[in-house]
C-alpha cells in the first residue's frame, strides 16, 4: 500500500448508531488519523473495515 492510499470512497455519510462512514467504514477519528498511521495499523484497520462494511450492508 502506498503511503497516502486511503479507503475513502467519496461517500461521507455517517451511520448514527455506530458512527461509521457508509462509504469506507471508518470513524471520524480514524479518518483524521489515517495519514499518520503506520502501515501495520493501516493494514489492521483495512481488515476491520471489511467487517464493518459487511455489517453496514446487512443492517
PDB file of N, CA and C in Angstrom:
ATOM      1  N   UNK A   1       0.851  -1.172   0.000  1.00  0.00           N
ATOM      2  CA  UNK A   1       0.000   0.000   0.000  1.00  0.00           C
ATOM      3  C   UNK A   1       0.895   1.232   0.000  1.00  0.00           C
ATOM      4  N   UNK A   2       0.551   2.192  -0.781  1.00  0.00           N
ATOM      5  CA  UNK A   2       1.320   3.429  -0.818  1.00  0.00           C
ATOM      6  C   UNK A   2       0.977   4.272   0.405  1.00  0.00           C
ATOM      7  N   UNK A   3       1.846   5.178   0.750  1.00  0.00           N
ATOM      8  CA  UNK A   3       1.710   5.961   1.980  1.00  0.00           C
ATOM      9  C   UNK A   3       0.383   6.698   2.086  1.00  0.00           C
ATOM     10  N   UNK A   4      -0.107   7.296   1.020  1.00  0.00           N
ATOM     11  CA  UNK A   4      -1.316   8.107   1.096  1.00  0.00           C
ATOM     12  C   UNK A   4      -2.563   7.406   0.573  1.00  0.00           C
ATOM     13  N   UNK A   5      -2.461   6.127   0.256  1.00  0.00           N
ATOM     14  CA  UNK A   5      -3.651   5.405  -0.190  1.00  0.00           C
ATOM     15  C   UNK A   5      -4.691   5.427   0.912  1.00  0.00           C
ATOM     16  N   UNK A   6      -5.885   5.690   0.530  1.00  0.00           N
ATOM     17  CA  UNK A   6      -6.967   5.802   1.502  1.00  0.00           C
ATOM     18  C   UNK A   6      -8.144   4.947   1.051  1.00  0.00           C
ATOM     19  N   UNK A   7      -8.866   4.365   1.998  1.00  0.00           N
ATOM     20  CA  UNK A   7     -10.056   3.591   1.638  1.00  0.00           C
ATOM     21  C   UNK A   7     -11.269   4.482   1.323  1.00  0.00           C
ATOM     22  N   UNK A   8     -11.080   5.778   1.338  1.00  0.00           N
ATOM     23  CA  UNK A   8     -12.177   6.719   1.103  1.00  0.00           C
ATOM     24  C   UNK A   8     -12.871   6.423  -0.225  1.00  0.00           C
ATOM     25  N   UNK A   9     -14.197   6.412  -0.184  1.00  0.00           N
ATOM     26  CA  UNK A   9     -14.998   6.154  -1.375  1.00  0.00           C
ATOM     27  C   UNK A   9     -15.757   7.417  -1.818  1.00  0.00           C
ATOM     28  N   UNK A  10     -15.404   8.565  -1.233  1.00  0.00           N
ATOM     29  CA  UNK A  10     -16.076   9.837  -1.519  1.00  0.00           C
ATOM     30  C   UNK A  10     -17.580   9.769  -1.299  1.00  0.00           C
ATOM     31  N   UNK A  11     -17.982   9.030  -0.274  1.00  0.00           N
ATOM     32  CA  UNK A  11     -19.386   8.925   0.122  1.00  0.00           C
ATOM     33  C   UNK A  11     -19.430   9.114   1.639  1.00  0.00           C
ATOM     34  N   UNK A  12     -19.200  10.326   2.077  1.00  0.00           N
ATOM     35  CA  UNK A  12     -19.100  10.608   3.511  1.00  0.00           C
ATOM     36  C   UNK A  12     -20.491  10.830   4.111  1.00  0.00           C
ATOM     37  N   UNK A  13     -21.014   9.762   4.647  1.00  0.00           N
ATOM     38  CA  UNK A  13     -22.309   9.799   5.332  1.00  0.00           C
ATOM     39  C   UNK A  13     -22.167   8.845   6.512  1.00  0.00           C
ATOM     40  N   UNK A  14     -22.394   9.323   7.727  1.00  0.00           N
ATOM     41  CA  UNK A  14     -22.122   8.529   8.907  1.00  0.00           C
ATOM     42  C   UNK A  14     -23.378   7.881   9.467  1.00  0.00           C
ATOM     43  N   UNK A  15     -23.255   6.606   9.801  1.00  0.00           N
ATOM     44  CA  UNK A  15     -24.336   5.856  10.422  1.00  0.00           C
ATOM     45  C   UNK A  15     -24.511   6.392  11.840  1.00  0.00           C
ATOM     46  N   UNK A  16     -25.706   6.804  12.227  1.00  0.00           N
ATOM     47  CA  UNK A  16     -25.903   7.417  13.552  1.00  0.00           C
ATOM     48  C   UNK A  16     -25.707   6.436  14.712  1.00  0.00           C
ATOM     49  N   UNK A  17     -25.869   5.152  14.456  1.00  0.00           N
ATOM     50  CA  UNK A  17     -25.749   4.171  15.548  1.00  0.00           C
ATOM     51  C   UNK A  17     -24.306   3.915  15.941  1.00  0.00           C
ATOM     52  N   UNK A  18     -23.452   3.698  14.983  1.00  0.00           N
ATOM     53  CA  UNK A  18     -22.076   3.311  15.307  1.00  0.00           C
ATOM     54  C   UNK A  18     -21.035   4.334  14.860  1.00  0.00           C
ATOM     55  N   UNK A  19     -21.471   5.408  14.211  1.00  0.00           N
ATOM     56  CA  UNK A  19     -20.583   6.496  13.758  1.00  0.00           C
ATOM     57  C   UNK A  19     -19.593   6.072  12.680  1.00  0.00           C
ATOM     58  N   UNK A  20     -19.918   5.040  11.913  1.00  0.00           N
ATOM     59  CA  UNK A  20     -19.073   4.591  10.812  1.00  0.00           C
ATOM     60  C   UNK A  20     -19.511   5.275   9.528  1.00  0.00           C
ATOM     61  N   UNK A  21     -18.552   5.635   8.703  1.00  0.00           N
ATOM     62  CA  UNK A  21     -18.847   6.214   7.396  1.00  0.00           C
ATOM     63  C   UNK A  21     -19.452   5.131   6.498  1.00  0.00           C
ATOM     64  N   UNK A  22     -20.526   5.465   5.810  1.00  0.00           N
ATOM     65  CA  UNK A  22     -21.182   4.494   4.924  1.00  0.00           C
ATOM     66  C   UNK A  22     -20.345   4.204   3.679  1.00  0.00           C
ATOM     67  N   UNK A  23     -19.397   5.053   3.363  1.00  0.00           N
ATOM     68  CA  UNK A  23     -18.562   4.852   2.181  1.00  0.00           C
ATOM     69  C   UNK A  23     -17.349   3.978   2.438  1.00  0.00           C
ATOM     70  N   UNK A  24     -16.686   4.188   3.580  1.00  0.00           N
ATOM     71  CA  UNK A  24     -15.437   3.462   3.839  1.00  0.00           C
ATOM     72  C   UNK A  24     -15.452   2.660   5.135  1.00  0.00           C
ATOM     73  N   UNK A  25     -16.374   2.955   6.047  1.00  0.00           N
ATOM     74  CA  UNK A  25     -16.462   2.212   7.298  1.00  0.00           C
ATOM     75  C   UNK A  25     -15.659   2.796   8.441  1.00  0.00           C
ATOM     76  N   UNK A  26     -14.911   3.864   8.175  1.00  0.00           N
ATOM     77  CA  UNK A  26     -14.091   4.441   9.243  1.00  0.00           C
ATOM     78  C   UNK A  26     -14.889   5.404  10.106  1.00  0.00           C
ATOM     79  N   UNK A  27     -14.407   5.604  11.332  1.00  0.00           N
ATOM     80  CA  UNK A  27     -14.952   6.642  12.197  1.00  0.00           C
ATOM     81  C   UNK A  27     -14.283   7.956  11.841  1.00  0.00           C
ATOM     82  N   UNK A  28     -14.817   9.042  12.333  1.00  0.00           N
ATOM     83  CA  UNK A  28     -14.213  10.349  12.070  1.00  0.00           C
ATOM     84  C   UNK A  28     -12.784  10.390  12.622  1.00  0.00           C
ATOM     85  N   UNK A  29     -12.552   9.823  13.796  1.00  0.00           N
ATOM     86  CA  UNK A  29     -11.203   9.804  14.371  1.00  0.00           C
ATOM     87  C   UNK A  29     -10.235   8.997  13.507  1.00  0.00           C
ATOM     88  N   UNK A  30     -10.695   7.882  12.957  1.00  0.00           N
ATOM     89  CA  UNK A  30      -9.846   7.067  12.084  1.00  0.00           C
ATOM     90  C   UNK A  30      -9.532   7.791  10.780  1.00  0.00           C
ATOM     91  N   UNK A  31     -10.496   8.532  10.265  1.00  0.00           N
ATOM     92  CA  UNK A  31     -10.267   9.316   9.045  1.00  0.00           C
ATOM     93  C   UNK A  31      -9.200  10.376   9.307  1.00  0.00           C
ATOM     94  N   UNK A  32      -9.313  11.063  10.439  1.00  0.00           N
ATOM     95  CA  UNK A  32      -8.346  12.103  10.787  1.00  0.00           C
ATOM     96  C   UNK A  32      -6.949  11.525  11.007  1.00  0.00           C
ATOM     97  N   UNK A  33      -6.861  10.333  11.573  1.00  0.00           N
ATOM     98  CA  UNK A  33      -5.572   9.728  11.924  1.00  0.00           C
ATOM     99  C   UNK A  33      -4.929   8.963  10.769  1.00  0.00           C
ATOM    100  N   UNK A  34      -5.653   8.704   9.693  1.00  0.00           N
ATOM    101  CA  UNK A  34      -5.186   7.826   8.618  1.00  0.00           C
ATOM    102  C   UNK A  34      -3.787   8.175   8.119  1.00  0.00           C
ATOM    103  N   UNK A  35      -3.536   9.411   7.829  1.00  0.00           N
ATOM    104  CA  UNK A  35      -2.250   9.813   7.229  1.00  0.00           C
ATOM    105  C   UNK A  35      -1.067   9.587   8.161  1.00  0.00           C
ATOM    106  N   UNK A  36      -1.315   9.559   9.465  1.00  0.00           N
ATOM    107  CA  UNK A  36      -0.230   9.375  10.424  1.00  0.00           C
ATOM    108  C   UNK A  36      -0.098   7.927  10.896  1.00  0.00           C
ATOM    109  N   UNK A  37      -0.995   7.065  10.474  1.00  0.00           N
ATOM    110  CA  UNK A  37      -0.938   5.657  10.890  1.00  0.00           C
ATOM    111  C   UNK A  37       0.227   4.942  10.232  1.00  0.00           C
ATOM    112  N   UNK A  38       0.790   4.003  10.971  1.00  0.00           N
ATOM    113  CA  UNK A  38       1.856   3.168  10.413  1.00  0.00           C
ATOM    114  C   UNK A  38       1.238   2.184   9.420  1.00  0.00           C
ATOM    115  N   UNK A  39       2.029   1.635   8.523  1.00  0.00           N
ATOM    116  CA  UNK A  39       1.497   0.623   7.600  1.00  0.00           C
ATOM    117  C   UNK A  39       0.846  -0.551   8.336  1.00  0.00           C
ATOM    118  N   UNK A  40       1.424  -0.946   9.460  1.00  0.00           N
ATOM    119  CA  UNK A  40       0.850  -2.038  10.257  1.00  0.00           C
ATOM    120  C   UNK A  40      -0.563  -1.687  10.722  1.00  0.00           C
ATOM    121  N   UNK A  41      -0.735  -0.496  11.288  1.00  0.00           N
ATOM    122  CA  UNK A  41      -2.054  -0.088  11.780  1.00  0.00           C
ATOM    123  C   UNK A  41      -3.058   0.099  10.639  1.00  0.00           C
ATOM    124  N   UNK A  42      -2.592   0.597   9.515  1.00  0.00           N
ATOM    125  CA  UNK A  42      -3.491   0.737   8.358  1.00  0.00           C
ATOM    126  C   UNK A  42      -3.978  -0.632   7.879  1.00  0.00           C
ATOM    127  N   UNK A  43      -3.074  -1.584   7.819  1.00  0.00           N
ATOM    128  CA  UNK A  43      -3.452  -2.933   7.385  1.00  0.00           C
ATOM    129  C   UNK A  43      -4.477  -3.537   8.338  1.00  0.00           C
ATOM    130  N   UNK A  44      -4.259  -3.365   9.637  1.00  0.00           N
ATOM    131  CA  UNK A  44      -5.223  -3.877  10.621  1.00  0.00           C
ATOM    132  C   UNK A  44      -6.576  -3.188  10.467  1.00  0.00           C
ATOM    133  N   UNK A  45      -6.558  -1.896  10.269  1.00  0.00           N
ATOM    134  CA  UNK A  45      -7.812  -1.161  10.107  1.00  0.00           C
ATOM    135  C   UNK A  45      -8.524  -1.587   8.832  1.00  0.00           C
ATOM    136  N   UNK A  46      -7.794  -1.782   7.746  1.00  0.00           N
ATOM    137  CA  UNK A  46      -8.426  -2.216   6.496  1.00  0.00           C
ATOM    138  C   UNK A  46      -9.132  -3.556   6.666  1.00  0.00           C
ATOM    139  N   UNK A  47      -8.538  -4.449   7.448  1.00  0.00           N
ATOM    140  CA  UNK A  47      -9.184  -5.739   7.734  1.00  0.00           C
ATOM    141  C   UNK A  47     -10.481  -5.517   8.501  1.00  0.00           C
ATOM    142  N   UNK A  48     -10.435  -4.642   9.485  1.00  0.00           N
ATOM    143  CA  UNK A  48     -11.631  -4.332  10.269  1.00  0.00           C
ATOM    144  C   UNK A  48     -12.685  -3.642   9.406  1.00  0.00           C
ATOM    145  N   UNK A  49     -12.266  -2.789   8.486  1.00  0.00           N
ATOM    146  CA  UNK A  49     -13.225  -2.075   7.636  1.00  0.00           C
ATOM    147  C   UNK A  49     -14.033  -3.033   6.771  1.00  0.00           C
ATOM    148  N   UNK A  50     -13.422  -4.123   6.336  1.00  0.00           N
ATOM    149  CA  UNK A  50     -14.165  -5.130   5.560  1.00  0.00           C
ATOM    150  C   UNK A  50     -15.305  -5.687   6.388  1.00  0.00           C
ATOM    151  N   UNK A  51     -15.035  -5.970   7.649  1.00  0.00           N
ATOM    152  CA  UNK A  51     -16.088  -6.482   8.555  1.00  0.00           C
ATOM    153  C   UNK A  51     -17.177  -5.436   8.774  1.00  0.00           C
ATOM    154  N   UNK A  52     -16.756  -4.203   9.003  1.00  0.00           N
ATOM    155  CA  UNK A  52     -17.724  -3.133   9.239  1.00  0.00           C
ATOM    156  C   UNK A  52     -18.633  -2.904   8.042  1.00  0.00           C
ATOM    157  N   UNK A  53     -18.039  -2.868   6.852  1.00  0.00           N
ATOM    158  CA  UNK A  53     -18.848  -2.625   5.656  1.00  0.00           C
ATOM    159  C   UNK A  53     -19.852  -3.752   5.441  1.00  0.00           C
ATOM    160  N   UNK A  54     -19.460  -4.953   5.759  1.00  0.00           N
ATOM    161  CA  UNK A  54     -20.380  -6.085   5.650  1.00  0.00           C
ATOM    162  C   UNK A  54     -21.543  -5.907   6.621  1.00  0.00           C
ATOM    163  N   UNK A  55     -21.232  -5.483   7.848  1.00  0.00           N
ATOM    164  CA  UNK A  55     -22.286  -5.229   8.847  1.00  0.00           C
ATOM    165  C   UNK A  55     -23.203  -4.101   8.406  1.00  0.00           C
ATOM    166  N   UNK A  56     -22.638  -3.033   7.835  1.00  0.00           N
ATOM    167  CA  UNK A  56     -23.463  -1.920   7.387  1.00  0.00           C
ATOM    168  C   UNK A  56     -24.407  -2.349   6.264  1.00  0.00           C
ATOM    169  N   UNK A  57     -23.913  -3.178   5.350  1.00  0.00           N
ATOM    170  CA  UNK A  57     -24.748  -3.614   4.238  1.00  0.00           C
ATOM    171  C   UNK A  57     -25.849  -4.574   4.690  1.00  0.00           C
ATOM    172  N   UNK A  58     -25.590  -5.315   5.769  1.00  0.00           N
ATOM    173  CA  UNK A  58     -26.563  -6.288   6.271  1.00  0.00           C
ATOM    174  C   UNK A  58     -27.554  -5.675   7.261  1.00  0.00           C
ATOM    175  N   UNK A  59     -27.350  -4.420   7.642  1.00  0.00           N
ATOM    176  CA  UNK A  59     -28.270  -3.818   8.614  1.00  0.00           C
ATOM    177  C   UNK A  59     -29.395  -3.064   7.953  1.00  0.00           C
TER     178      UNK A  59
END
